[in-house]
Amino acid sequence: MPASGAWRTYWSRSSSCGADMVAAADRLYRALLVAVTVLLGALTVVVSYQVIGRYVPFIPRAIWTEEISRLCLEWLVFLGAALAIRRNEHFIIDVIPSRVATRFRVPIQLVILAFLALASVAIIVGGLALAETGLGRTSTTSGITLTWAFASLPVAGLCMLFFVIELAVRTLRGEAVEEIGADLVDQTAVTPEGHGIEGVGE
């Protein structure tokens, strides 16, 4: 097979693999959005119940609400960090100046993604060790095994690492750095009335 034909075959396969990765990342992103929405709703309900119980006589005061709200918050923080990476909105990505020359944006983006990958691996490794320590420990009032709380680190770390790899693949495929994740931001844009903006991102 000629060299040019072999290169076209390789590029076609790599492009197909990249498209599959983007599709998988989209599905994971949507699943995490649902999970974060449910967690935020649960956190709101639990905290509201805790506050109302302090002032309404016929509602019993529940001590377990503090531990459940903390559990929801821990998952929200780490899953939210993974979502931010997928949207190319993580705070470290702001290191790229908006006025930097276009030819420097890809190398800078890849360096930042490399650091994010290292941070994700550290979160996974440390989170697994921490989750293991929680197997024989339970919360004082709710009775929930602490592993449920500590597991938020390795789970979110795996999601972060997958999104980092996907962003690196998209960057190497030639997608503009400033455009990666912009479609996801546009899809969640809302008007002051709380309605989605029709036609955004189309």
N, C-alpha and C. Protein backbone atom coordinates (compact mmCIF):
# COMPACT_ATOMS: atom_id res chain seq x y z
N MET A 1 0.86 -1.19 0.00
CA MET A 1 0.00 0.00 0.00
C MET A 1 0.89 1.24 0.00
N PRO A 2 0.63 2.23 -0.89
CA PRO A 2 1.43 3.44 -0.90
C PRO A 2 1.39 4.13 0.45
N ALA A 3 2.44 4.94 0.70
CA ALA A 3 2.52 5.64 1.98
C ALA A 3 1.34 6.57 2.19
N SER A 4 0.93 7.26 1.10
CA SER A 4 -0.19 8.19 1.23
C SER A 4 -1.48 7.46 1.56
N GLY A 5 -1.66 6.26 0.95
CA GLY A 5 -2.85 5.49 1.24
C GLY A 5 -2.87 4.98 2.66
N ALA A 6 -1.70 4.56 3.16
CA ALA A 6 -1.60 4.10 4.55
C ALA A 6 -1.90 5.23 5.51
N TRP A 7 -1.42 6.44 5.19
CA TRP A 7 -1.67 7.58 6.05
C TRP A 7 -3.15 7.93 6.08
N ARG A 8 -3.81 7.87 4.92
CA ARG A 8 -5.24 8.17 4.86
C ARG A 8 -6.03 7.15 5.68
N THR A 9 -5.62 5.87 5.58
CA THR A 9 -6.30 4.82 6.36
C THR A 9 -6.13 5.06 7.85
N TYR A 10 -4.89 5.40 8.25
CA TYR A 10 -4.62 5.67 9.67
C TYR A 10 -5.42 6.87 10.15
N TRP A 11 -5.44 7.93 9.36
CA TRP A 11 -6.16 9.13 9.77
C TRP A 11 -7.66 8.88 9.86
N SER A 12 -8.19 8.06 8.91
CA SER A 12 -9.61 7.73 8.93
C SER A 12 -9.96 6.95 10.20
N ARG A 13 -9.11 5.98 10.56
CA ARG A 13 -9.37 5.20 11.77
C ARG A 13 -9.25 6.05 13.02
N SER A 14 -8.23 6.92 13.07
CA SER A 14 -8.05 7.77 14.25
C SER A 14 -9.20 8.76 14.37
N SER A 15 -9.69 9.27 13.25
CA SER A 15 -10.82 10.20 13.28
C SER A 15 -12.07 9.51 13.78
N SER A 16 -12.27 8.25 13.33
CA SER A 16 -13.42 7.47 13.79
C SER A 16 -13.33 7.21 15.28
N CYS A 17 -12.11 6.86 15.75
CA CYS A 17 -11.91 6.61 17.18
C CYS A 17 -12.16 7.87 17.98
N GLY A 18 -11.68 9.02 17.44
CA GLY A 18 -11.90 10.29 18.13
C GLY A 18 -13.37 10.64 18.21
N ALA A 19 -14.12 10.36 17.11
CA ALA A 19 -15.55 10.63 17.12
C ALA A 19 -16.27 9.75 18.13
N ASP A 20 -15.85 8.49 18.24
CA ASP A 20 -16.45 7.59 19.23
C ASP A 20 -16.18 8.09 20.65
N MET A 21 -14.97 8.60 20.88
CA MET A 21 -14.62 9.11 22.20
C MET A 21 -15.46 10.34 22.55
N VAL A 22 -15.65 11.21 21.57
CA VAL A 22 -16.47 12.41 21.80
C VAL A 22 -17.90 12.01 22.12
N ALA A 23 -18.43 11.02 21.39
CA ALA A 23 -19.80 10.56 21.64
C ALA A 23 -19.91 9.96 23.04
N ALA A 24 -18.91 9.18 23.45
CA ALA A 24 -18.92 8.60 24.80
C ALA A 24 -18.82 9.69 25.85
N ALA A 25 -17.99 10.70 25.58
CA ALA A 25 -17.86 11.81 26.52
C ALA A 25 -19.16 12.59 26.64
N ASP A 26 -19.87 12.73 25.53
CA ASP A 26 -21.17 13.42 25.57
C ASP A 26 -22.16 12.65 26.44
N ARG A 27 -22.18 11.33 26.30
CA ARG A 27 -23.10 10.52 27.11
C ARG A 27 -22.74 10.61 28.59
N LEU A 28 -21.45 10.53 28.89
CA LEU A 28 -21.02 10.64 30.28
C LEU A 28 -21.34 12.02 30.84
N TYR A 29 -21.16 13.04 30.03
CA TYR A 29 -21.45 14.41 30.45
C TYR A 29 -22.93 14.56 30.81
N ARG A 30 -23.80 14.02 29.96
CA ARG A 30 -25.24 14.11 30.23
C ARG A 30 -25.61 13.33 31.49
N ALA A 31 -25.00 12.16 31.68
CA ALA A 31 -25.28 11.38 32.89
C ALA A 31 -24.83 12.13 34.15
N LEU A 32 -23.68 12.78 34.08
CA LEU A 32 -23.20 13.55 35.23
C LEU A 32 -24.09 14.76 35.50
N LEU A 33 -24.60 15.36 34.43
CA LEU A 33 -25.54 16.48 34.61
C LEU A 33 -26.78 16.04 35.37
N VAL A 34 -27.30 14.87 35.01
CA VAL A 34 -28.47 14.34 35.71
C VAL A 34 -28.13 14.07 37.17
N ALA A 35 -26.97 13.46 37.41
CA ALA A 35 -26.56 13.14 38.78
C ALA A 35 -26.40 14.40 39.61
N VAL A 36 -25.78 15.43 39.03
CA VAL A 36 -25.58 16.69 39.75
C VAL A 36 -26.92 17.37 40.04
N THR A 37 -27.84 17.29 39.08
CA THR A 37 -29.16 17.88 39.29
C THR A 37 -29.90 17.19 40.44
N VAL A 38 -29.83 15.86 40.46
CA VAL A 38 -30.47 15.09 41.53
C VAL A 38 -29.83 15.43 42.88
N LEU A 39 -28.50 15.49 42.91
CA LEU A 39 -27.80 15.80 44.15
C LEU A 39 -28.13 17.20 44.66
N LEU A 40 -28.22 18.15 43.74
CA LEU A 40 -28.57 19.51 44.15
C LEU A 40 -29.98 19.57 44.70
N GLY A 41 -30.90 18.84 44.05
CA GLY A 41 -32.26 18.79 44.56
C GLY A 41 -32.33 18.15 45.93
N ALA A 42 -31.59 17.04 46.12
CA ALA A 42 -31.58 16.38 47.42
C ALA A 42 -30.96 17.27 48.48
N LEU A 43 -29.90 17.97 48.13
CA LEU A 43 -29.26 18.88 49.08
C LEU A 43 -30.21 19.99 49.50
N THR A 44 -30.94 20.52 48.54
CA THR A 44 -31.90 21.59 48.84
C THR A 44 -33.00 21.10 49.78
N VAL A 45 -33.53 19.91 49.49
CA VAL A 45 -34.60 19.35 50.33
C VAL A 45 -34.11 19.08 51.75
N VAL A 46 -32.94 18.46 51.88
CA VAL A 46 -32.42 18.08 53.19
C VAL A 46 -32.11 19.32 54.03
N VAL A 47 -31.45 20.30 53.43
CA VAL A 47 -31.11 21.52 54.17
C VAL A 47 -32.38 22.29 54.55
N SER A 48 -33.35 22.34 53.63
CA SER A 48 -34.61 23.03 53.94
C SER A 48 -35.33 22.35 55.10
N TYR A 49 -35.33 21.02 55.08
CA TYR A 49 -35.96 20.27 56.17
C TYR A 49 -35.25 20.56 57.49
N GLN A 50 -33.93 20.63 57.45
CA GLN A 50 -33.17 20.90 58.67
C GLN A 50 -33.48 22.29 59.24
N VAL A 51 -33.55 23.27 58.35
CA VAL A 51 -33.82 24.64 58.80
C VAL A 51 -35.25 24.79 59.31
N ILE A 52 -36.22 24.23 58.57
CA ILE A 52 -37.62 24.33 58.98
C ILE A 52 -37.84 23.62 60.30
N GLY A 53 -37.15 22.49 60.49
CA GLY A 53 -37.31 21.72 61.72
C GLY A 53 -36.88 22.48 62.97
N ARG A 54 -36.06 23.50 62.79
CA ARG A 54 -35.62 24.28 63.95
C ARG A 54 -36.71 25.23 64.46
N TYR A 55 -37.64 25.58 63.57
CA TYR A 55 -38.60 26.61 63.94
C TYR A 55 -40.05 26.13 63.94
N VAL A 56 -40.32 25.00 63.32
CA VAL A 56 -41.69 24.47 63.28
C VAL A 56 -41.80 23.37 64.34
N PRO A 57 -42.65 23.55 65.32
CA PRO A 57 -42.71 22.61 66.46
C PRO A 57 -43.06 21.18 66.08
N PHE A 58 -43.99 20.99 65.14
CA PHE A 58 -44.46 19.63 64.86
C PHE A 58 -43.53 18.87 63.89
N ILE A 59 -42.46 19.51 63.40
CA ILE A 59 -41.48 18.81 62.56
C ILE A 59 -40.29 18.42 63.43
N PRO A 60 -40.03 17.13 63.55
CA PRO A 60 -38.92 16.70 64.42
C PRO A 60 -37.57 17.15 63.88
N ARG A 61 -36.71 17.54 64.79
CA ARG A 61 -35.36 17.94 64.40
C ARG A 61 -34.53 16.70 64.12
N ALA A 62 -33.94 16.65 62.95
CA ALA A 62 -33.18 15.47 62.54
C ALA A 62 -31.69 15.81 62.49
N ILE A 63 -30.91 15.07 63.24
CA ILE A 63 -29.48 15.32 63.28
C ILE A 63 -28.79 14.77 62.02
N TRP A 64 -29.38 13.72 61.44
CA TRP A 64 -28.76 13.09 60.28
C TRP A 64 -28.71 13.99 59.05
N THR A 65 -29.50 15.05 59.03
CA THR A 65 -29.53 15.92 57.85
C THR A 65 -28.17 16.56 57.57
N GLU A 66 -27.41 16.84 58.61
CA GLU A 66 -26.10 17.45 58.41
C GLU A 66 -25.17 16.52 57.65
N GLU A 67 -25.18 15.26 58.01
CA GLU A 67 -24.29 14.30 57.35
C GLU A 67 -24.74 14.03 55.91
N ILE A 68 -26.05 13.95 55.69
CA ILE A 68 -26.54 13.72 54.33
C ILE A 68 -26.24 14.91 53.44
N SER A 69 -26.41 16.12 53.96
CA SER A 69 -26.13 17.32 53.17
C SER A 69 -24.64 17.41 52.84
N ARG A 70 -23.79 17.00 53.80
CA ARG A 70 -22.35 17.01 53.54
C ARG A 70 -21.99 15.99 52.47
N LEU A 71 -22.65 14.83 52.50
CA LEU A 71 -22.42 13.80 51.49
C LEU A 71 -22.79 14.31 50.09
N CYS A 72 -23.94 14.93 50.00
CA CYS A 72 -24.38 15.48 48.70
C CYS A 72 -23.42 16.56 48.21
N LEU A 73 -22.96 17.40 49.13
CA LEU A 73 -22.06 18.49 48.76
C LEU A 73 -20.73 17.95 48.25
N GLU A 74 -20.21 16.91 48.88
CA GLU A 74 -18.94 16.33 48.44
C GLU A 74 -19.04 15.81 47.01
N TRP A 75 -20.12 15.09 46.71
CA TRP A 75 -20.30 14.59 45.35
C TRP A 75 -20.52 15.73 44.36
N LEU A 76 -21.26 16.76 44.78
CA LEU A 76 -21.49 17.90 43.90
C LEU A 76 -20.19 18.59 43.52
N VAL A 77 -19.31 18.79 44.49
CA VAL A 77 -18.04 19.50 44.24
C VAL A 77 -17.19 18.74 43.23
N PHE A 78 -16.99 17.45 43.44
CA PHE A 78 -16.08 16.70 42.58
C PHE A 78 -16.68 16.39 41.22
N LEU A 79 -17.96 16.05 41.16
CA LEU A 79 -18.59 15.84 39.86
C LEU A 79 -18.68 17.15 39.09
N GLY A 80 -18.91 18.25 39.81
CA GLY A 80 -18.92 19.56 39.17
C GLY A 80 -17.58 19.92 38.57
N ALA A 81 -16.49 19.52 39.24
CA ALA A 81 -15.16 19.76 38.70
C ALA A 81 -14.96 18.99 37.39
N ALA A 82 -15.47 17.76 37.33
CA ALA A 82 -15.38 16.97 36.10
C ALA A 82 -16.17 17.62 34.97
N LEU A 83 -17.36 18.12 35.28
CA LEU A 83 -18.18 18.79 34.28
C LEU A 83 -17.48 20.04 33.76
N ALA A 84 -16.80 20.76 34.64
CA ALA A 84 -16.10 21.98 34.23
C ALA A 84 -14.98 21.66 33.25
N ILE A 85 -14.29 20.55 33.48
CA ILE A 85 -13.23 20.15 32.55
C ILE A 85 -13.83 19.82 31.19
N ARG A 86 -14.94 19.10 31.18
CA ARG A 86 -15.58 18.73 29.90
C ARG A 86 -16.01 19.97 29.12
N ARG A 87 -16.43 21.01 29.82
CA ARG A 87 -16.85 22.25 29.16
C ARG A 87 -15.68 23.17 28.88
N ASN A 88 -14.46 22.71 29.17
CA ASN A 88 -13.27 23.51 28.96
C ASN A 88 -13.33 24.81 29.78
N GLU A 89 -13.96 24.71 30.95
CA GLU A 89 -14.17 25.88 31.79
C GLU A 89 -13.40 25.82 33.10
N HIS A 90 -12.62 24.77 33.31
CA HIS A 90 -11.93 24.65 34.58
C HIS A 90 -11.02 25.86 34.79
N PHE A 91 -10.87 26.26 36.05
CA PHE A 91 -10.16 27.51 36.34
C PHE A 91 -8.75 27.54 35.78
N ILE A 92 -8.09 26.40 35.73
CA ILE A 92 -6.71 26.39 35.25
C ILE A 92 -6.64 26.67 33.75
N ILE A 93 -7.72 26.40 33.04
CA ILE A 93 -7.72 26.64 31.60
C ILE A 93 -7.75 28.14 31.31
N ASP A 94 -8.13 28.95 32.27
CA ASP A 94 -8.09 30.39 32.09
C ASP A 94 -6.66 30.92 32.03
N VAL A 95 -5.67 30.04 32.25
CA VAL A 95 -4.28 30.46 32.12
C VAL A 95 -4.00 30.89 30.69
N ILE A 96 -4.74 30.34 29.74
CA ILE A 96 -4.54 30.72 28.34
C ILE A 96 -5.07 32.13 28.13
N PRO A 97 -4.22 33.11 27.87
CA PRO A 97 -4.70 34.48 27.63
C PRO A 97 -5.52 34.55 26.35
N SER A 98 -6.54 35.38 26.36
CA SER A 98 -7.39 35.48 25.19
C SER A 98 -6.66 36.10 24.00
N ARG A 99 -5.59 36.86 24.27
CA ARG A 99 -4.87 37.54 23.20
C ARG A 99 -3.62 36.80 22.75
N VAL A 100 -3.37 35.60 23.29
CA VAL A 100 -2.17 34.87 22.91
C VAL A 100 -2.27 34.46 21.45
N ALA A 101 -1.15 34.41 20.78
CA ALA A 101 -1.14 34.05 19.37
C ALA A 101 -1.74 32.66 19.17
N THR A 102 -2.46 32.48 18.07
CA THR A 102 -3.16 31.23 17.81
C THR A 102 -2.21 30.04 17.80
N ARG A 103 -1.00 30.22 17.26
CA ARG A 103 -0.07 29.09 17.16
C ARG A 103 0.43 28.60 18.51
N PHE A 104 0.26 29.44 19.56
CA PHE A 104 0.71 29.03 20.88
C PHE A 104 -0.42 28.40 21.71
N ARG A 105 -1.65 28.50 21.26
CA ARG A 105 -2.77 28.05 22.07
C ARG A 105 -2.81 26.53 22.22
N VAL A 106 -2.53 25.82 21.15
CA VAL A 106 -2.55 24.36 21.22
C VAL A 106 -1.47 23.82 22.16
N PRO A 107 -0.20 24.26 22.04
CA PRO A 107 0.80 23.77 23.00
C PRO A 107 0.46 24.10 24.45
N ILE A 108 -0.05 25.32 24.70
CA ILE A 108 -0.40 25.71 26.06
C ILE A 108 -1.56 24.85 26.57
N GLN A 109 -2.54 24.61 25.71
CA GLN A 109 -3.67 23.78 26.08
C GLN A 109 -3.22 22.37 26.45
N LEU A 110 -2.31 21.82 25.67
CA LEU A 110 -1.83 20.46 25.93
C LEU A 110 -1.04 20.38 27.23
N VAL A 111 -0.26 21.42 27.52
CA VAL A 111 0.49 21.45 28.79
C VAL A 111 -0.48 21.49 29.96
N ILE A 112 -1.50 22.33 29.86
CA ILE A 112 -2.49 22.43 30.92
C ILE A 112 -3.23 21.11 31.11
N LEU A 113 -3.59 20.47 29.99
CA LEU A 113 -4.28 19.18 30.08
C LEU A 113 -3.39 18.11 30.70
N ALA A 114 -2.07 18.20 30.45
CA ALA A 114 -1.15 17.25 31.06
C ALA A 114 -1.15 17.41 32.58
N PHE A 115 -1.15 18.66 33.06
CA PHE A 115 -1.20 18.89 34.50
C PHE A 115 -2.54 18.42 35.08
N LEU A 116 -3.62 18.65 34.34
CA LEU A 116 -4.92 18.18 34.80
C LEU A 116 -4.97 16.66 34.85
N ALA A 117 -4.32 16.01 33.90
CA ALA A 117 -4.26 14.54 33.91
C ALA A 117 -3.51 14.05 35.14
N LEU A 118 -2.40 14.70 35.47
CA LEU A 118 -1.65 14.32 36.67
C LEU A 118 -2.49 14.52 37.93
N ALA A 119 -3.22 15.65 37.97
CA ALA A 119 -4.08 15.90 39.13
C ALA A 119 -5.19 14.87 39.22
N SER A 120 -5.73 14.47 38.07
CA SER A 120 -6.79 13.46 38.06
C SER A 120 -6.28 12.12 38.58
N VAL A 121 -5.08 11.74 38.13
CA VAL A 121 -4.49 10.47 38.60
C VAL A 121 -4.25 10.52 40.10
N ALA A 122 -3.76 11.67 40.59
CA ALA A 122 -3.53 11.81 42.03
C ALA A 122 -4.84 11.68 42.81
N ILE A 123 -5.92 12.27 42.27
CA ILE A 123 -7.23 12.18 42.92
C ILE A 123 -7.72 10.73 42.93
N ILE A 124 -7.50 10.02 41.82
CA ILE A 124 -7.93 8.62 41.74
C ILE A 124 -7.18 7.76 42.76
N VAL A 125 -5.85 7.88 42.76
CA VAL A 125 -5.03 7.06 43.65
C VAL A 125 -5.32 7.38 45.11
N GLY A 126 -5.30 8.68 45.44
CA GLY A 126 -5.57 9.07 46.82
C GLY A 126 -7.00 8.75 47.23
N GLY A 127 -7.94 8.92 46.29
CA GLY A 127 -9.34 8.64 46.60
C GLY A 127 -9.59 7.17 46.86
N LEU A 128 -8.94 6.29 46.10
CA LEU A 128 -9.10 4.85 46.32
C LEU A 128 -8.57 4.45 47.70
N ALA A 129 -7.42 5.01 48.06
CA ALA A 129 -6.86 4.71 49.38
C ALA A 129 -7.78 5.22 50.49
N LEU A 130 -8.34 6.41 50.28
CA LEU A 130 -9.23 6.98 51.28
C LEU A 130 -10.53 6.19 51.38
N ALA A 131 -11.07 5.78 50.21
CA ALA A 131 -12.31 5.00 50.21
C ALA A 131 -12.13 3.67 50.92
N GLU A 132 -10.94 3.10 50.79
CA GLU A 132 -10.68 1.82 51.46
C GLU A 132 -10.71 1.98 52.98
N THR A 133 -10.24 3.12 53.47
CA THR A 133 -10.25 3.33 54.93
C THR A 133 -11.67 3.50 55.46
N GLY A 134 -12.61 3.86 54.58
CA GLY A 134 -13.97 4.08 55.04
C GLY A 134 -14.83 2.84 55.07
N LEU A 135 -14.29 1.69 54.65
CA LEU A 135 -15.09 0.47 54.60
C LEU A 135 -15.60 0.06 55.97
N GLY A 136 -14.78 0.22 56.99
CA GLY A 136 -15.20 -0.20 58.32
C GLY A 136 -15.67 0.94 59.20
N ARG A 137 -15.96 2.08 58.60
CA ARG A 137 -16.39 3.24 59.37
C ARG A 137 -17.76 3.70 58.89
N THR A 138 -18.59 4.12 59.82
CA THR A 138 -19.93 4.60 59.47
C THR A 138 -20.17 5.96 60.09
N SER A 139 -21.08 6.71 59.48
CA SER A 139 -21.45 8.01 60.02
C SER A 139 -22.15 7.84 61.36
N THR A 140 -21.98 8.81 62.22
CA THR A 140 -22.48 8.68 63.59
C THR A 140 -23.99 8.60 63.66
N THR A 141 -24.67 9.48 62.96
CA THR A 141 -26.13 9.56 63.07
C THR A 141 -26.88 8.87 61.95
N SER A 142 -26.36 8.98 60.70
CA SER A 142 -27.08 8.38 59.57
C SER A 142 -26.77 6.90 59.40
N GLY A 143 -25.63 6.44 59.90
CA GLY A 143 -25.28 5.04 59.78
C GLY A 143 -24.76 4.65 58.41
N ILE A 144 -24.52 5.63 57.54
CA ILE A 144 -24.03 5.35 56.19
C ILE A 144 -22.52 5.11 56.23
N THR A 145 -22.07 4.09 55.51
CA THR A 145 -20.64 3.81 55.42
C THR A 145 -19.92 5.00 54.79
N LEU A 146 -18.80 5.38 55.38
CA LEU A 146 -18.07 6.55 54.90
C LEU A 146 -17.50 6.35 53.50
N THR A 147 -17.44 5.11 53.06
CA THR A 147 -16.95 4.85 51.70
C THR A 147 -17.82 5.55 50.66
N TRP A 148 -19.12 5.68 50.94
CA TRP A 148 -20.00 6.38 50.01
C TRP A 148 -19.57 7.82 49.79
N ALA A 149 -19.07 8.45 50.85
CA ALA A 149 -18.59 9.83 50.72
C ALA A 149 -17.22 9.87 50.06
N PHE A 150 -16.31 8.99 50.51
CA PHE A 150 -14.95 9.00 49.99
C PHE A 150 -14.88 8.55 48.53
N ALA A 151 -15.87 7.77 48.10
CA ALA A 151 -15.86 7.27 46.72
C ALA A 151 -16.04 8.38 45.70
N SER A 152 -16.48 9.55 46.14
CA SER A 152 -16.65 10.66 45.21
C SER A 152 -15.33 11.07 44.56
N LEU A 153 -14.22 10.87 45.27
CA LEU A 153 -12.92 11.25 44.72
C LEU A 153 -12.49 10.36 43.56
N PRO A 154 -12.39 9.02 43.74
CA PRO A 154 -11.96 8.21 42.59
C PRO A 154 -12.94 8.23 41.42
N VAL A 155 -14.25 8.28 41.72
CA VAL A 155 -15.24 8.32 40.63
C VAL A 155 -15.08 9.59 39.82
N ALA A 156 -15.00 10.73 40.50
CA ALA A 156 -14.83 12.00 39.81
C ALA A 156 -13.47 12.06 39.12
N GLY A 157 -12.44 11.49 39.75
CA GLY A 157 -11.12 11.48 39.15
C GLY A 157 -11.09 10.72 37.83
N LEU A 158 -11.78 9.59 37.78
CA LEU A 158 -11.87 8.83 36.54
C LEU A 158 -12.58 9.62 35.45
N CYS A 159 -13.66 10.29 35.83
CA CYS A 159 -14.39 11.13 34.86
C CYS A 159 -13.51 12.27 34.37
N MET A 160 -12.78 12.90 35.29
CA MET A 160 -11.88 13.98 34.90
C MET A 160 -10.83 13.49 33.91
N LEU A 161 -10.21 12.35 34.21
CA LEU A 161 -9.16 11.82 33.35
C LEU A 161 -9.70 11.50 31.97
N PHE A 162 -10.89 10.92 31.90
CA PHE A 162 -11.49 10.60 30.61
C PHE A 162 -11.75 11.88 29.81
N PHE A 163 -12.29 12.90 30.47
CA PHE A 163 -12.56 14.17 29.78
C PHE A 163 -11.27 14.85 29.34
N VAL A 164 -10.23 14.76 30.16
CA VAL A 164 -8.94 15.35 29.79
C VAL A 164 -8.40 14.69 28.53
N ILE A 165 -8.45 13.36 28.49
CA ILE A 165 -7.97 12.64 27.31
C ILE A 165 -8.79 13.02 26.09
N GLU A 166 -10.10 13.12 26.27
CA GLU A 166 -10.97 13.49 25.14
C GLU A 166 -10.66 14.89 24.65
N LEU A 167 -10.44 15.83 25.55
CA LEU A 167 -10.09 17.20 25.15
C LEU A 167 -8.75 17.22 24.42
N ALA A 168 -7.79 16.41 24.88
CA ALA A 168 -6.48 16.35 24.22
C ALA A 168 -6.62 15.80 22.80
N VAL A 169 -7.44 14.76 22.64
CA VAL A 169 -7.67 14.19 21.31
C VAL A 169 -8.30 15.21 20.39
N ARG A 170 -9.29 15.94 20.89
CA ARG A 170 -9.95 16.96 20.07
C ARG A 170 -8.99 18.08 19.72
N THR A 171 -8.13 18.44 20.65
CA THR A 171 -7.15 19.50 20.37
C THR A 171 -6.16 19.05 19.30
N LEU A 172 -5.68 17.80 19.41
CA LEU A 172 -4.73 17.28 18.43
C LEU A 172 -5.38 17.08 17.07
N ARG A 173 -6.70 16.88 17.05
CA ARG A 173 -7.39 16.72 15.77
C ARG A 173 -7.59 18.06 15.06
N GLY A 174 -7.21 19.15 15.71
CA GLY A 174 -7.25 20.44 15.05
C GLY A 174 -8.41 21.33 15.42
N GLU A 175 -9.23 20.94 16.41
CA GLU A 175 -10.32 21.80 16.83
C GLU A 175 -9.77 23.02 17.54
N ALA A 176 -10.36 24.16 17.30
CA ALA A 176 -9.91 25.40 17.92
C ALA A 176 -10.07 25.31 19.43
N VAL A 177 -9.05 25.73 20.16
CA VAL A 177 -9.06 25.63 21.61
C VAL A 177 -10.25 26.38 22.20
N GLU A 178 -10.50 27.59 21.68
CA GLU A 178 -11.57 28.41 22.26
C GLU A 178 -12.96 27.89 21.93
N GLU A 179 -13.06 26.97 20.95
CA GLU A 179 -14.37 26.44 20.56
C GLU A 179 -14.72 25.15 21.29
N ILE A 180 -13.71 24.48 21.84
CA ILE A 180 -13.97 23.22 22.54
C ILE A 180 -14.76 23.49 23.81
N GLY A 181 -15.91 22.88 23.93
CA GLY A 181 -16.77 23.09 25.10
C GLY A 181 -17.74 24.24 24.95
N ALA A 182 -17.52 25.07 23.92
CA ALA A 182 -18.41 26.23 23.75
C ALA A 182 -19.83 25.80 23.44
N ASP A 183 -19.98 24.68 22.70
CA ASP A 183 -21.33 24.21 22.37
C ASP A 183 -22.08 23.79 23.62
N LEU A 184 -21.36 23.21 24.60
CA LEU A 184 -22.02 22.80 25.84
C LEU A 184 -22.44 24.00 26.66
N VAL A 185 -21.63 25.05 26.64
CA VAL A 185 -21.98 26.28 27.35
C VAL A 185 -23.22 26.91 26.73
N ASP A 186 -23.28 26.91 25.40
CA ASP A 186 -24.41 27.51 24.70
C ASP A 186 -25.71 26.74 24.98
N GLN A 187 -25.61 25.41 25.09
CA GLN A 187 -26.81 24.60 25.31
C GLN A 187 -27.46 24.89 26.64
N THR A 188 -26.67 25.34 27.61
CA THR A 188 -27.22 25.62 28.94
C THR A 188 -27.43 27.11 29.16
N ALA A 189 -27.30 27.90 28.10
CA ALA A 189 -27.55 29.33 28.25
C ALA A 189 -29.03 29.57 28.53
N VAL A 190 -29.32 30.51 29.41
CA VAL A 190 -30.70 30.80 29.76
C VAL A 190 -30.93 32.29 29.71
N THR A 191 -32.17 32.65 29.52
CA THR A 191 -32.56 34.05 29.54
C THR A 191 -32.82 34.46 30.98
N PRO A 192 -32.95 35.77 31.26
CA PRO A 192 -33.27 36.20 32.63
C PRO A 192 -34.55 35.59 33.17
N GLU A 193 -35.47 35.18 32.25
CA GLU A 193 -36.72 34.57 32.69
C GLU A 193 -36.54 33.10 33.02
N GLY A 194 -35.33 32.55 32.74
CA GLY A 194 -35.08 31.16 33.07
C GLY A 194 -35.33 30.21 31.92
N HIS A 195 -35.69 30.74 30.72
CA HIS A 195 -35.96 29.88 29.59
C HIS A 195 -34.70 29.72 28.76
N GLY A 196 -34.56 28.56 28.12
CA GLY A 196 -33.41 28.34 27.25
C GLY A 196 -33.47 29.26 26.06
N ILE A 197 -32.32 29.67 25.57
CA ILE A 197 -32.27 30.54 24.42
C ILE A 197 -32.39 29.69 23.16
N GLU A 198 -33.44 29.87 22.42
CA GLU A 198 -33.66 29.07 21.23
C GLU A 198 -32.66 29.46 20.15
N GLY A 199 -32.15 28.44 19.51
CA GLY A 199 -31.26 28.68 18.38
C GLY A 199 -29.82 28.85 18.78
N VAL A 200 -29.52 28.92 20.05
CA VAL A 200 -28.13 29.08 20.47
C VAL A 200 -27.36 27.81 20.18
N GLY A 201 -26.23 27.96 19.56
CA GLY A 201 -25.39 26.80 19.27
C GLY A 201 -25.80 26.06 18.02
N GLU A 202 -26.85 26.52 17.33
CA GLU A 202 -27.28 25.83 16.11
C GLU A 202 -26.45 26.31 14.94
